[in-house]
């Protein structure tokens, strides 16, 4: 990696998990310009809505272990 790339990586590693996920999503989608922006915007809105509902106590969440256990039982 170049020094500039290493600096970007070091800064990215200091981000919160949500910020890292958003950065990963943006970088991933930068490879494929053919995606429909309306779909991405709709999903982004849905995700934000669900995060807000969770943080406000309107919905609950299961652990990743519980979800994977249910998936593996199918």
PDB file of N, CA and C in Angstrom:
ATOM      1  N   UNK A   1       0.842  -1.187   0.000  1.00  0.00           N
ATOM      2  CA  UNK A   1       0.000   0.000   0.000  1.00  0.00           C
ATOM      3  C   UNK A   1       0.881   1.243   0.000  1.00  0.00           C
ATOM      4  N   UNK A   2       0.344   2.257  -0.590  1.00  0.00           N
ATOM      5  CA  UNK A   2       1.067   3.531  -0.590  1.00  0.00           C
ATOM      6  C   UNK A   2       0.928   4.185   0.785  1.00  0.00           C
ATOM      7  N   UNK A   3       1.789   5.134   1.106  1.00  0.00           N
ATOM      8  CA  UNK A   3       1.652   5.835   2.387  1.00  0.00           C
ATOM      9  C   UNK A   3       0.277   6.509   2.529  1.00  0.00           C
ATOM     10  N   UNK A   4      -0.224   7.075   1.450  1.00  0.00           N
ATOM     11  CA  UNK A   4      -1.540   7.731   1.515  1.00  0.00           C
ATOM     12  C   UNK A   4      -2.635   6.710   1.822  1.00  0.00           C
ATOM     13  N   UNK A   5      -2.545   5.538   1.199  1.00  0.00           N
ATOM     14  CA  UNK A   5      -3.526   4.493   1.444  1.00  0.00           C
ATOM     15  C   UNK A   5      -3.444   3.996   2.885  1.00  0.00           C
ATOM     16  N   UNK A   6      -2.237   3.845   3.392  1.00  0.00           N
ATOM     17  CA  UNK A   6      -2.058   3.424   4.788  1.00  0.00           C
ATOM     18  C   UNK A   6      -2.664   4.443   5.743  1.00  0.00           C
ATOM     19  N   UNK A   7      -2.508   5.727   5.446  1.00  0.00           N
ATOM     20  CA  UNK A   7      -3.075   6.768   6.299  1.00  0.00           C
ATOM     21  C   UNK A   7      -4.604   6.680   6.288  1.00  0.00           C
ATOM     22  N   UNK A   8      -5.182   6.464   5.119  1.00  0.00           N
ATOM     23  CA  UNK A   8      -6.637   6.326   5.010  1.00  0.00           C
ATOM     24  C   UNK A   8      -7.098   5.119   5.818  1.00  0.00           C
ATOM     25  N   UNK A   9      -6.387   4.000   5.699  1.00  0.00           N
ATOM     26  CA  UNK A   9      -6.736   2.803   6.446  1.00  0.00           C
ATOM     27  C   UNK A   9      -6.675   3.049   7.947  1.00  0.00           C
ATOM     28  N   UNK A  10      -5.614   3.682   8.409  1.00  0.00           N
ATOM     29  CA  UNK A  10      -5.478   3.968   9.841  1.00  0.00           C
ATOM     30  C   UNK A  10      -6.637   4.826  10.345  1.00  0.00           C
ATOM     31  N   UNK A  11      -7.040   5.809   9.550  1.00  0.00           N
ATOM     32  CA  UNK A  11      -8.171   6.659   9.936  1.00  0.00           C
ATOM     33  C   UNK A  11      -9.474   5.857   9.913  1.00  0.00           C
ATOM     34  N   UNK A  12      -9.633   5.008   8.915  1.00  0.00           N
ATOM     35  CA  UNK A  12     -10.855   4.202   8.806  1.00  0.00           C
ATOM     36  C   UNK A  12     -10.989   3.246   9.984  1.00  0.00           C
ATOM     37  N   UNK A  13      -9.890   2.716  10.469  1.00  0.00           N
ATOM     38  CA  UNK A  13      -9.940   1.788  11.595  1.00  0.00           C
ATOM     39  C   UNK A  13     -10.375   2.461  12.891  1.00  0.00           C
ATOM     40  N   UNK A  14     -10.310   3.775  12.945  1.00  0.00           N
ATOM     41  CA  UNK A  14     -10.752   4.508  14.137  1.00  0.00           C
ATOM     42  C   UNK A  14     -12.247   4.844  14.089  1.00  0.00           C
ATOM     43  N   UNK A  15     -12.917   4.524  12.994  1.00  0.00           N
ATOM     44  CA  UNK A  15     -14.343   4.821  12.870  1.00  0.00           C
ATOM     45  C   UNK A  15     -15.171   3.890  13.740  1.00  0.00           C
ATOM     46  N   UNK A  16     -16.403   4.307  14.000  1.00  0.00           N
ATOM     47  CA  UNK A  16     -17.336   3.433  14.713  1.00  0.00           C
ATOM     48  C   UNK A  16     -17.739   2.295  13.778  1.00  0.00           C
ATOM     49  N   UNK A  17     -18.275   1.208  14.316  1.00  0.00           N
ATOM     50  CA  UNK A  17     -18.711   0.114  13.448  1.00  0.00           C
ATOM     51  C   UNK A  17     -19.706   0.551  12.365  1.00  0.00           C
ATOM     52  N   UNK A  18     -20.638   1.416  12.706  1.00  0.00           N
ATOM     53  CA  UNK A  18     -21.615   1.885  11.708  1.00  0.00           C
ATOM     54  C   UNK A  18     -20.924   2.703  10.628  1.00  0.00           C
ATOM     55  N   UNK A  19     -20.003   3.568  11.038  1.00  0.00           N
ATOM     56  CA  UNK A  19     -19.278   4.367  10.056  1.00  0.00           C
ATOM     57  C   UNK A  19     -18.431   3.475   9.141  1.00  0.00           C
ATOM     58  N   UNK A  20     -17.819   2.430   9.715  1.00  0.00           N
ATOM     59  CA  UNK A  20     -17.051   1.492   8.900  1.00  0.00           C
ATOM     60  C   UNK A  20     -17.958   0.801   7.887  1.00  0.00           C
ATOM     61  N   UNK A  21     -19.135   0.370   8.333  1.00  0.00           N
ATOM     62  CA  UNK A  21     -20.068  -0.305   7.432  1.00  0.00           C
ATOM     63  C   UNK A  21     -20.501   0.622   6.299  1.00  0.00           C
ATOM     64  N   UNK A  22     -20.760   1.879   6.619  1.00  0.00           N
ATOM     65  CA  UNK A  22     -21.145   2.844   5.585  1.00  0.00           C
ATOM     66  C   UNK A  22     -20.004   3.054   4.595  1.00  0.00           C
ATOM     67  N   UNK A  23     -18.774   3.137   5.103  1.00  0.00           N
ATOM     68  CA  UNK A  23     -17.615   3.312   4.234  1.00  0.00           C
ATOM     69  C   UNK A  23     -17.432   2.093   3.331  1.00  0.00           C
ATOM     70  N   UNK A  24     -17.551   0.917   3.907  1.00  0.00           N
ATOM     71  CA  UNK A  24     -17.424  -0.314   3.120  1.00  0.00           C
ATOM     72  C   UNK A  24     -18.480  -0.337   2.020  1.00  0.00           C
ATOM     73  N   UNK A  25     -19.711   0.020   2.369  1.00  0.00           N
ATOM     74  CA  UNK A  25     -20.792   0.028   1.388  1.00  0.00           C
ATOM     75  C   UNK A  25     -20.476   0.985   0.239  1.00  0.00           C
ATOM     76  N   UNK A  26     -20.024   2.178   0.572  1.00  0.00           N
ATOM     77  CA  UNK A  26     -19.693   3.167  -0.462  1.00  0.00           C
ATOM     78  C   UNK A  26     -18.550   2.679  -1.346  1.00  0.00           C
ATOM     79  N   UNK A  27     -17.516   2.105  -0.738  1.00  0.00           N
ATOM     80  CA  UNK A  27     -16.388   1.598  -1.513  1.00  0.00           C
ATOM     81  C   UNK A  27     -16.819   0.432  -2.401  1.00  0.00           C
ATOM     82  N   UNK A  28     -17.591  -0.474  -1.843  1.00  0.00           N
ATOM     83  CA  UNK A  28     -18.071  -1.627  -2.610  1.00  0.00           C
ATOM     84  C   UNK A  28     -18.882  -1.178  -3.820  1.00  0.00           C
ATOM     85  N   UNK A  29     -19.806  -0.250  -3.584  1.00  0.00           N
ATOM     86  CA  UNK A  29     -20.652   0.205  -4.685  1.00  0.00           C
ATOM     87  C   UNK A  29     -19.898   1.057  -5.701  1.00  0.00           C
ATOM     88  N   UNK A  30     -18.731   1.550  -5.332  1.00  0.00           N
ATOM     89  CA  UNK A  30     -17.961   2.338  -6.290  1.00  0.00           C
ATOM     90  C   UNK A  30     -17.436   1.474  -7.441  1.00  0.00           C
ATOM     91  N   UNK A  31     -17.412   0.160  -7.250  1.00  0.00           N
ATOM     92  CA  UNK A  31     -16.975  -0.738  -8.313  1.00  0.00           C
ATOM     93  C   UNK A  31     -18.058  -0.958  -9.362  1.00  0.00           C
ATOM     94  N   UNK A  32     -19.304  -0.838  -8.959  1.00  0.00           N
ATOM     95  CA  UNK A  32     -20.417  -1.129  -9.862  1.00  0.00           C
ATOM     96  C   UNK A  32     -21.306   0.092  -9.988  1.00  0.00           C
ATOM     97  N   UNK A  33     -21.193   0.784 -11.079  1.00  0.00           N
ATOM     98  CA  UNK A  33     -21.969   2.001 -11.309  1.00  0.00           C
ATOM     99  C   UNK A  33     -23.354   1.698 -11.865  1.00  0.00           C
ATOM    100  N   UNK A  34     -23.675   0.408 -12.102  1.00  0.00           N
ATOM    101  CA  UNK A  34     -24.938   0.083 -12.744  1.00  0.00           C
ATOM    102  C   UNK A  34     -26.105  -0.058 -11.773  1.00  0.00           C
ATOM    103  N   UNK A  35     -25.857   0.055 -10.477  1.00  0.00           N
ATOM    104  CA  UNK A  35     -26.943  -0.114  -9.520  1.00  0.00           C
ATOM    105  C   UNK A  35     -27.946   1.020  -9.639  1.00  0.00           C
ATOM    106  N   UNK A  36     -29.161   0.698  -9.337  1.00  0.00           N
ATOM    107  CA  UNK A  36     -30.236   1.677  -9.395  1.00  0.00           C
ATOM    108  C   UNK A  36     -30.206   2.508  -8.113  1.00  0.00           C
ATOM    109  N   UNK A  37     -29.913   3.781  -8.231  1.00  0.00           N
ATOM    110  CA  UNK A  37     -29.785   4.672  -7.077  1.00  0.00           C
ATOM    111  C   UNK A  37     -31.075   4.727  -6.257  1.00  0.00           C
ATOM    112  N   UNK A  38     -32.224   4.590  -6.905  1.00  0.00           N
ATOM    113  CA  UNK A  38     -33.493   4.628  -6.163  1.00  0.00           C
ATOM    114  C   UNK A  38     -33.600   3.451  -5.199  1.00  0.00           C
ATOM    115  N   UNK A  39     -33.129   2.300  -5.623  1.00  0.00           N
ATOM    116  CA  UNK A  39     -33.160   1.120  -4.747  1.00  0.00           C
ATOM    117  C   UNK A  39     -32.227   1.336  -3.560  1.00  0.00           C
ATOM    118  N   UNK A  40     -31.024   1.836  -3.828  1.00  0.00           N
ATOM    119  CA  UNK A  40     -30.072   2.106  -2.744  1.00  0.00           C
ATOM    120  C   UNK A  40     -30.638   3.112  -1.749  1.00  0.00           C
ATOM    121  N   UNK A  41     -31.269   4.160  -2.256  1.00  0.00           N
ATOM    122  CA  UNK A  41     -31.846   5.174  -1.376  1.00  0.00           C
ATOM    123  C   UNK A  41     -32.994   4.598  -0.550  1.00  0.00           C
ATOM    124  N   UNK A  42     -33.809   3.751  -1.169  1.00  0.00           N
ATOM    125  CA  UNK A  42     -34.925   3.132  -0.443  1.00  0.00           C
ATOM    126  C   UNK A  42     -34.390   2.237   0.672  1.00  0.00           C
ATOM    127  N   UNK A  43     -33.374   1.425   0.377  1.00  0.00           N
ATOM    128  CA  UNK A  43     -32.800   0.565   1.403  1.00  0.00           C
ATOM    129  C   UNK A  43     -32.128   1.382   2.498  1.00  0.00           C
ATOM    130  N   UNK A  44     -31.451   2.442   2.125  1.00  0.00           N
ATOM    131  CA  UNK A  44     -30.815   3.293   3.133  1.00  0.00           C
ATOM    132  C   UNK A  44     -31.852   3.873   4.081  1.00  0.00           C
ATOM    133  N   UNK A  45     -32.969   4.327   3.523  1.00  0.00           N
ATOM    134  CA  UNK A  45     -34.046   4.859   4.352  1.00  0.00           C
ATOM    135  C   UNK A  45     -34.622   3.798   5.275  1.00  0.00           C
ATOM    136  N   UNK A  46     -34.802   2.593   4.749  1.00  0.00           N
ATOM    137  CA  UNK A  46     -35.328   1.489   5.566  1.00  0.00           C
ATOM    138  C   UNK A  46     -34.367   1.133   6.684  1.00  0.00           C
ATOM    139  N   UNK A  47     -33.104   1.077   6.373  1.00  0.00           N
ATOM    140  CA  UNK A  47     -32.096   0.749   7.386  1.00  0.00           C
ATOM    141  C   UNK A  47     -32.074   1.803   8.484  1.00  0.00           C
ATOM    142  N   UNK A  48     -32.074   3.063   8.099  1.00  0.00           N
ATOM    143  CA  UNK A  48     -32.074   4.142   9.093  1.00  0.00           C
ATOM    144  C   UNK A  48     -33.335   4.071   9.966  1.00  0.00           C
ATOM    145  N   UNK A  49     -34.463   3.774   9.341  1.00  0.00           N
ATOM    146  CA  UNK A  49     -35.722   3.659  10.075  1.00  0.00           C
ATOM    147  C   UNK A  49     -35.650   2.534  11.107  1.00  0.00           C
ATOM    148  N   UNK A  50     -35.086   1.406  10.714  1.00  0.00           N
ATOM    149  CA  UNK A  50     -34.973   0.276  11.641  1.00  0.00           C
ATOM    150  C   UNK A  50     -34.001   0.573  12.774  1.00  0.00           C
ATOM    151  N   UNK A  51     -32.888   1.237  12.457  1.00  0.00           N
ATOM    152  CA  UNK A  51     -31.928   1.605  13.510  1.00  0.00           C
ATOM    153  C   UNK A  51     -32.586   2.562  14.496  1.00  0.00           C
ATOM    154  N   UNK A  52     -33.304   3.549  13.989  1.00  0.00           N
ATOM    155  CA  UNK A  52     -34.006   4.496  14.865  1.00  0.00           C
ATOM    156  C   UNK A  52     -35.021   3.771  15.738  1.00  0.00           C
ATOM    157  N   UNK A  53     -35.786   2.862  15.160  1.00  0.00           N
ATOM    158  CA  UNK A  53     -36.790   2.114  15.927  1.00  0.00           C
ATOM    159  C   UNK A  53     -36.127   1.286  17.017  1.00  0.00           C
ATOM    160  N   UNK A  54     -34.999   0.669  16.708  1.00  0.00           N
ATOM    161  CA  UNK A  54     -34.269  -0.119  17.707  1.00  0.00           C
ATOM    162  C   UNK A  54     -33.750   0.779  18.823  1.00  0.00           C
ATOM    163  N   UNK A  55     -33.131   1.883  18.447  1.00  0.00           N
ATOM    164  CA  UNK A  55     -32.563   2.793  19.449  1.00  0.00           C
ATOM    165  C   UNK A  55     -33.637   3.430  20.317  1.00  0.00           C
ATOM    166  N   UNK A  56     -34.846   3.609  19.781  1.00  0.00           N
ATOM    167  CA  UNK A  56     -35.951   4.181  20.550  1.00  0.00           C
ATOM    168  C   UNK A  56     -36.718   3.129  21.341  1.00  0.00           C
ATOM    169  N   UNK A  57     -36.302   1.871  21.245  1.00  0.00           N
ATOM    170  CA  UNK A  57     -36.952   0.804  21.995  1.00  0.00           C
ATOM    171  C   UNK A  57     -38.246   0.308  21.377  1.00  0.00           C
ATOM    172  N   UNK A  58     -38.515   0.663  20.137  1.00  0.00           N
ATOM    173  CA  UNK A  58     -39.750   0.235  19.484  1.00  0.00           C
ATOM    174  C   UNK A  58     -39.661  -1.181  18.938  1.00  0.00           C
ATOM    175  N   UNK A  59     -38.466  -1.659  18.674  1.00  0.00           N
ATOM    176  CA  UNK A  59     -38.256  -3.030  18.233  1.00  0.00           C
ATOM    177  C   UNK A  59     -37.054  -3.585  18.971  1.00  0.00           C
ATOM    178  N   UNK A  60     -36.975  -4.913  19.019  1.00  0.00           N
ATOM    179  CA  UNK A  60     -35.827  -5.549  19.667  1.00  0.00           C
ATOM    180  C   UNK A  60     -35.016  -6.276  18.603  1.00  0.00           C
ATOM    181  N   UNK A  61     -33.889  -6.782  19.012  1.00  0.00           N
ATOM    182  CA  UNK A  61     -33.018  -7.489  18.078  1.00  0.00           C
ATOM    183  C   UNK A  61     -32.521  -8.766  18.731  1.00  0.00           C
ATOM    184  N   UNK A  62     -32.270  -9.762  17.904  1.00  0.00           N
ATOM    185  CA  UNK A  62     -31.681 -11.007  18.372  1.00  0.00           C
ATOM    186  C   UNK A  62     -30.175 -10.950  18.149  1.00  0.00           C
ATOM    187  N   UNK A  63     -29.465 -11.731  18.911  1.00  0.00           N
ATOM    188  CA  UNK A  63     -28.020 -11.818  18.715  1.00  0.00           C
ATOM    189  C   UNK A  63     -27.734 -12.545  17.407  1.00  0.00           C
ATOM    190  N   UNK A  64     -26.563 -12.326  16.882  1.00  0.00           N
ATOM    191  CA  UNK A  64     -26.161 -13.012  15.649  1.00  0.00           C
ATOM    192  C   UNK A  64     -26.172 -14.526  15.866  1.00  0.00           C
ATOM    193  N   UNK A  65     -25.779 -14.960  17.046  1.00  0.00           N
ATOM    194  CA  UNK A  65     -25.759 -16.388  17.351  1.00  0.00           C
ATOM    195  C   UNK A  65     -27.164 -16.980  17.268  1.00  0.00           C
ATOM    196  N   UNK A  66     -28.158 -16.274  17.813  1.00  0.00           N
ATOM    197  CA  UNK A  66     -29.527 -16.766  17.781  1.00  0.00           C
ATOM    198  C   UNK A  66     -30.061 -16.831  16.348  1.00  0.00           C
ATOM    199  N   UNK A  67     -29.753 -15.830  15.571  1.00  0.00           N
ATOM    200  CA  UNK A  67     -30.200 -15.812  14.179  1.00  0.00           C
ATOM    201  C   UNK A  67     -29.570 -16.959  13.407  1.00  0.00           C
ATOM    202  N   UNK A  68     -28.256 -17.140  13.550  1.00  0.00           N
ATOM    203  CA  UNK A  68     -27.573 -18.219  12.838  1.00  0.00           C
ATOM    204  C   UNK A  68     -28.065 -19.589  13.277  1.00  0.00           C
ATOM    205  N   UNK A  69     -28.395 -19.728  14.546  1.00  0.00           N
ATOM    206  CA  UNK A  69     -28.932 -20.990  15.037  1.00  0.00           C
ATOM    207  C   UNK A  69     -30.260 -21.311  14.355  1.00  0.00           C
ATOM    208  N   UNK A  70     -31.130 -20.300  14.237  1.00  0.00           N
ATOM    209  CA  UNK A  70     -32.408 -20.517  13.539  1.00  0.00           C
ATOM    210  C   UNK A  70     -32.193 -20.860  12.071  1.00  0.00           C
ATOM    211  N   UNK A  71     -31.271 -20.173  11.426  1.00  0.00           N
ATOM    212  CA  UNK A  71     -30.988 -20.451  10.019  1.00  0.00           C
ATOM    213  C   UNK A  71     -30.463 -21.861   9.846  1.00  0.00           C
ATOM    214  N   UNK A  72     -29.586 -22.281  10.711  1.00  0.00           N
ATOM    215  CA  UNK A  72     -28.998 -23.629  10.604  1.00  0.00           C
ATOM    216  C   UNK A  72     -29.985 -24.728  10.908  1.00  0.00           C
ATOM    217  N   UNK A  73     -31.069 -24.426  11.606  1.00  0.00           N
ATOM    218  CA  UNK A  73     -32.095 -25.426  11.918  1.00  0.00           C
ATOM    219  C   UNK A  73     -32.994 -25.716  10.736  1.00  0.00           C
ATOM    220  N   UNK A  74     -32.965 -24.869   9.725  1.00  0.00           N
ATOM    221  CA  UNK A  74     -33.843 -25.075   8.556  1.00  0.00           C
ATOM    222  C   UNK A  74     -33.325 -26.123   7.632  1.00  0.00           C
TER     223      UNK A  74
END
